[in-house]
Amino acid sequence: MFVFVWRLAPNDWPVEYVSDNVKQVLGYTADDFISGRASWLGITYPEDIPRLETEVARYMANGERKWSQEYRLITRSGEIRWFSDQNLALADSQGNITHIQSIIIGSGSACSPSASAWALAAWVALSVSIGITTS
């Protein structure tokens, strides 16, 4: 399990935060994503990208703030693995959606209570630290 925060910029999805444990799961460091050396689109299985972007556009157009998705990612070593996520659209003080925050879990991964608590704490801390709201 790892956490990402993207700035809302379709067809780009710049990463503003990723938890350090992404290296254990995908083989990339957090800095690889934040610096742009690795990108979400670059590691997403190519056949899944159009569907994912269409789904996100639909969620945003319908005003949905929470959703889940399933897709494949390509690890640094080239392995293709399935993941599911829980996404939350975050807004600025004027109510404009500016970021998407995701908790991403590998298929077949068990999420222990301590991992769930960590993810929830990270979720809240990130929302507060970048000055955005969930409502």
C-alpha atoms as a PDB file:
ATOM      1  CA  MET A   1       0.000   0.000   0.000  1.00  0.00           C
ATOM      2  CA  PHE A   2       1.206   3.507  -0.797  1.00  0.00           C
ATOM      3  CA  VAL A   3      -0.218   7.023  -1.081  1.00  0.00           C
ATOM      4  CA  PHE A   4      -0.074   9.495  -3.979  1.00  0.00           C
ATOM      5  CA  VAL A   5      -1.237  13.113  -4.304  1.00  0.00           C
ATOM      6  CA  TRP A   6      -1.532  14.490  -7.831  1.00  0.00           C
ATOM      7  CA  ARG A   7      -2.196  18.055  -8.915  1.00  0.00           C
ATOM      8  CA  LEU A   8      -5.214  18.097 -11.190  1.00  0.00           C
ATOM      9  CA  ALA A   9      -3.759  18.412 -14.676  1.00  0.00           C
ATOM     10  CA  PRO A  10      -5.275  15.834 -17.054  1.00  0.00           C
ATOM     11  CA  ASN A  11      -2.857  14.219 -19.487  1.00  0.00           C
ATOM     12  CA  ASP A  12       0.003  15.078 -17.129  1.00  0.00           C
ATOM     13  CA  TRP A  13      -0.931  14.274 -13.476  1.00  0.00           C
ATOM     14  CA  PRO A  14       2.143  15.799 -11.777  1.00  0.00           C
ATOM     15  CA  VAL A  15       2.904  14.105  -8.458  1.00  0.00           C
ATOM     16  CA  GLU A  16       3.203  16.392  -5.445  1.00  0.00           C
ATOM     17  CA  TYR A  17       3.509  13.683  -2.803  1.00  0.00           C
ATOM     18  CA  VAL A  18       4.110   9.930  -2.721  1.00  0.00           C
ATOM     19  CA  SER A  19       4.812   7.822   0.345  1.00  0.00           C
ATOM     20  CA  ASP A  20       8.337   6.439   0.639  1.00  0.00           C
ATOM     21  CA  ASN A  21       7.140   2.837   0.681  1.00  0.00           C
ATOM     22  CA  VAL A  22       6.375   3.108  -3.045  1.00  0.00           C
ATOM     23  CA  LYS A  23       9.939   1.845  -3.567  1.00  0.00           C
ATOM     24  CA  GLN A  24       9.108  -1.467  -1.846  1.00  0.00           C
ATOM     25  CA  VAL A  25       6.074  -1.973  -4.085  1.00  0.00           C
ATOM     26  CA  LEU A  26       7.046  -0.514  -7.466  1.00  0.00           C
ATOM     27  CA  GLY A  27      10.841  -0.182  -7.289  1.00  0.00           C
ATOM     28  CA  TYR A  28      10.740   3.601  -7.851  1.00  0.00           C
ATOM     29  CA  THR A  29      11.618   6.138  -5.165  1.00  0.00           C
ATOM     30  CA  ALA A  30       9.268   8.904  -4.101  1.00  0.00           C
ATOM     31  CA  ASP A  31      11.754  11.360  -5.616  1.00  0.00           C
ATOM     32  CA  ASP A  32      11.546   9.564  -8.984  1.00  0.00           C
ATOM     33  CA  PHE A  33       7.865  10.599  -9.155  1.00  0.00           C
ATOM     34  CA  ILE A  34       8.135  14.055  -7.577  1.00  0.00           C
ATOM     35  CA  SER A  35      11.041  15.034  -9.852  1.00  0.00           C
ATOM     36  CA  GLY A  36       9.286  13.692 -12.948  1.00  0.00           C
ATOM     37  CA  ARG A  37      11.891  10.986 -13.712  1.00  0.00           C
ATOM     38  CA  ALA A  38       8.991   8.533 -13.376  1.00  0.00           C
ATOM     39  CA  SER A  39       5.390   9.398 -14.144  1.00  0.00           C
ATOM     40  CA  TRP A  40       2.051   7.826 -13.393  1.00  0.00           C
ATOM     41  CA  LEU A  41       1.235   7.618 -17.089  1.00  0.00           C
ATOM     42  CA  GLY A  42       4.684   6.158 -17.733  1.00  0.00           C
ATOM     43  CA  ILE A  43       4.124   3.227 -15.359  1.00  0.00           C
ATOM     44  CA  THR A  44       0.438   2.617 -16.083  1.00  0.00           C
ATOM     45  CA  TYR A  45      -0.270  -0.262 -18.429  1.00  0.00           C
ATOM     46  CA  PRO A  46      -0.935   1.504 -21.778  1.00  0.00           C
ATOM     47  CA  GLU A  47      -4.257  -0.237 -22.482  1.00  0.00           C
ATOM     48  CA  ASP A  48      -5.637   0.968 -19.119  1.00  0.00           C
ATOM     49  CA  ILE A  49      -4.878   4.693 -19.544  1.00  0.00           C
ATOM     50  CA  PRO A  50      -7.834   5.706 -21.776  1.00  0.00           C
ATOM     51  CA  ARG A  51     -10.330   3.956 -19.491  1.00  0.00           C
ATOM     52  CA  LEU A  52      -8.840   5.493 -16.337  1.00  0.00           C
ATOM     53  CA  GLU A  53      -8.841   9.014 -17.791  1.00  0.00           C
ATOM     54  CA  THR A  54     -12.424   8.612 -19.037  1.00  0.00           C
ATOM     55  CA  GLU A  55     -13.543   7.387 -15.617  1.00  0.00           C
ATOM     56  CA  VAL A  56     -11.867  10.286 -13.799  1.00  0.00           C
ATOM     57  CA  ALA A  57     -13.375  12.807 -16.226  1.00  0.00           C
ATOM     58  CA  ARG A  58     -16.809  11.274 -15.640  1.00  0.00           C
ATOM     59  CA  TYR A  59     -16.414  11.346 -11.850  1.00  0.00           C
ATOM     60  CA  MET A  60     -15.335  14.993 -11.971  1.00  0.00           C
ATOM     61  CA  ALA A  61     -18.138  15.998 -14.358  1.00  0.00           C
ATOM     62  CA  ASN A  62     -20.689  14.335 -12.058  1.00  0.00           C
ATOM     63  CA  GLY A  63     -19.269  16.133  -9.015  1.00  0.00           C
ATOM     64  CA  GLU A  64     -18.179  12.897  -7.355  1.00  0.00           C
ATOM     65  CA  ARG A  65     -15.471  13.387  -4.758  1.00  0.00           C
ATOM     66  CA  LYS A  66     -14.697   9.731  -3.898  1.00  0.00           C
ATOM     67  CA  TRP A  67     -14.203   6.766  -6.197  1.00  0.00           C
ATOM     68  CA  SER A  68     -12.271   3.531  -6.704  1.00  0.00           C
ATOM     69  CA  GLN A  69     -10.444   2.179  -9.721  1.00  0.00           C
ATOM     70  CA  GLU A  70      -8.574  -0.969 -10.732  1.00  0.00           C
ATOM     71  CA  TYR A  71      -5.694  -1.030 -13.188  1.00  0.00           C
ATOM     72  CA  ARG A  72      -2.289  -2.457 -13.985  1.00  0.00           C
ATOM     73  CA  LEU A  73       1.044  -0.825 -13.223  1.00  0.00           C
ATOM     74  CA  ILE A  74       4.468  -1.712 -14.562  1.00  0.00           C
ATOM     75  CA  THR A  75       7.144  -1.965 -11.876  1.00  0.00           C
ATOM     76  CA  ARG A  76      10.686  -0.724 -12.374  1.00  0.00           C
ATOM     77  CA  SER A  77      11.736  -4.334 -13.072  1.00  0.00           C
ATOM     78  CA  GLY A  78       9.064  -4.634 -15.801  1.00  0.00           C
ATOM     79  CA  GLU A  79       6.593  -6.773 -13.867  1.00  0.00           C
ATOM     80  CA  ILE A  80       2.919  -6.018 -14.619  1.00  0.00           C
ATOM     81  CA  ARG A  81       0.816  -6.010 -11.441  1.00  0.00           C
ATOM     82  CA  TRP A  82      -2.842  -5.261 -10.654  1.00  0.00           C
ATOM     83  CA  PHE A  83      -3.755  -2.506  -8.184  1.00  0.00           C
ATOM     84  CA  SER A  84      -6.891  -0.960  -6.783  1.00  0.00           C
ATOM     85  CA  ASP A  85      -7.188   2.456  -5.223  1.00  0.00           C
ATOM     86  CA  GLN A  86      -9.432   4.705  -3.185  1.00  0.00           C
ATOM     87  CA  ASN A  87      -9.417   8.270  -4.502  1.00  0.00           C
ATOM     88  CA  LEU A  88     -10.497  11.533  -2.966  1.00  0.00           C
ATOM     89  CA  ALA A  89     -10.816  14.803  -4.903  1.00  0.00           C
ATOM     90  CA  LEU A  90      -9.484  17.673  -2.810  1.00  0.00           C
ATOM     91  CA  ALA A  91     -10.583  21.286  -3.143  1.00  0.00           C
ATOM     92  CA  ASP A  92      -9.132  24.676  -2.311  1.00  0.00           C
ATOM     93  CA  SER A  93     -10.905  27.212  -0.076  1.00  0.00           C
ATOM     94  CA  GLN A  94     -13.090  28.326  -3.034  1.00  0.00           C
ATOM     95  CA  GLY A  95     -14.296  24.770  -3.641  1.00  0.00           C
ATOM     96  CA  ASN A  96     -12.252  24.217  -6.809  1.00  0.00           C
ATOM     97  CA  ILE A  97     -10.859  20.700  -7.117  1.00  0.00           C
ATOM     98  CA  THR A  98      -7.081  20.999  -7.229  1.00  0.00           C
ATOM     99  CA  HIS A  99      -5.698  17.584  -6.284  1.00  0.00           C
ATOM    100  CA  ILE A 100      -6.504  13.909  -6.228  1.00  0.00           C
ATOM    101  CA  GLN A 101      -5.287  11.884  -3.291  1.00  0.00           C
ATOM    102  CA  SER A 102      -5.084   8.084  -3.602  1.00  0.00           C
ATOM    103  CA  ILE A 103      -4.428   5.126  -1.388  1.00  0.00           C
ATOM    104  CA  ILE A 104      -3.211   2.352  -3.684  1.00  0.00           C
ATOM    105  CA  ILE A 105      -3.203  -1.315  -2.763  1.00  0.00           C
ATOM    106  CA  GLY A 106      -1.773  -4.188  -4.778  1.00  0.00           C
ATOM    107  CA  SER A 107      -4.240  -6.915  -5.722  1.00  0.00           C
ATOM    108  CA  GLY A 108      -4.189  -9.690  -3.204  1.00  0.00           C
ATOM    109  CA  SER A 109      -2.607  -7.413  -0.584  1.00  0.00           C
ATOM    110  CA  ALA A 110      -4.067  -7.687   2.849  1.00  0.00           C
ATOM    111  CA  CYS A 111      -4.466  -4.351   4.559  1.00  0.00           C
ATOM    112  CA  SER A 112      -3.790  -4.825   8.251  1.00  0.00           C
ATOM    113  CA  PRO A 113      -5.472  -2.598  10.846  1.00  0.00           C
ATOM    114  CA  SER A 114      -2.166  -0.829  11.502  1.00  0.00           C
ATOM    115  CA  ALA A 115      -1.698  -0.192   7.774  1.00  0.00           C
ATOM    116  CA  SER A 116      -5.259   1.126   7.554  1.00  0.00           C
ATOM    117  CA  ALA A 117      -4.653   3.452  10.494  1.00  0.00           C
ATOM    118  CA  TRP A 118      -1.436   4.685   8.895  1.00  0.00           C
ATOM    119  CA  ALA A 119      -3.207   5.336   5.608  1.00  0.00           C
ATOM    120  CA  LEU A 120      -5.999   7.264   7.314  1.00  0.00           C
ATOM    121  CA  ALA A 121      -3.490   9.345   9.276  1.00  0.00           C
ATOM    122  CA  ALA A 122      -1.531  10.089   6.098  1.00  0.00           C
ATOM    123  CA  TRP A 123      -4.760  11.013   4.290  1.00  0.00           C
ATOM    124  CA  VAL A 124      -5.752  13.550   6.952  1.00  0.00           C
ATOM    125  CA  ALA A 125      -2.240  14.951   7.387  1.00  0.00           C
ATOM    126  CA  LEU A 126      -1.800  15.508   3.656  1.00  0.00           C
ATOM    127  CA  SER A 127      -5.150  17.252   3.322  1.00  0.00           C
ATOM    128  CA  VAL A 128      -4.263  19.638   6.123  1.00  0.00           C
ATOM    129  CA  SER A 129      -0.668  20.194   5.019  1.00  0.00           C
ATOM    130  CA  ILE A 130      -1.510  21.343   1.497  1.00  0.00           C
ATOM    131  CA  GLY A 131      -4.473  23.469   2.604  1.00  0.00           C
ATOM    132  CA  ILE A 132      -7.255  21.681   0.801  1.00  0.00           C
ATOM    133  CA  THR A 133     -10.569  20.256   1.940  1.00  0.00           C
ATOM    134  CA  THR A 134     -12.526  17.113   1.281  1.00  0.00           C
ATOM    135  CA  SER A 135     -15.968  18.690   1.348  1.00  0.00           C
END
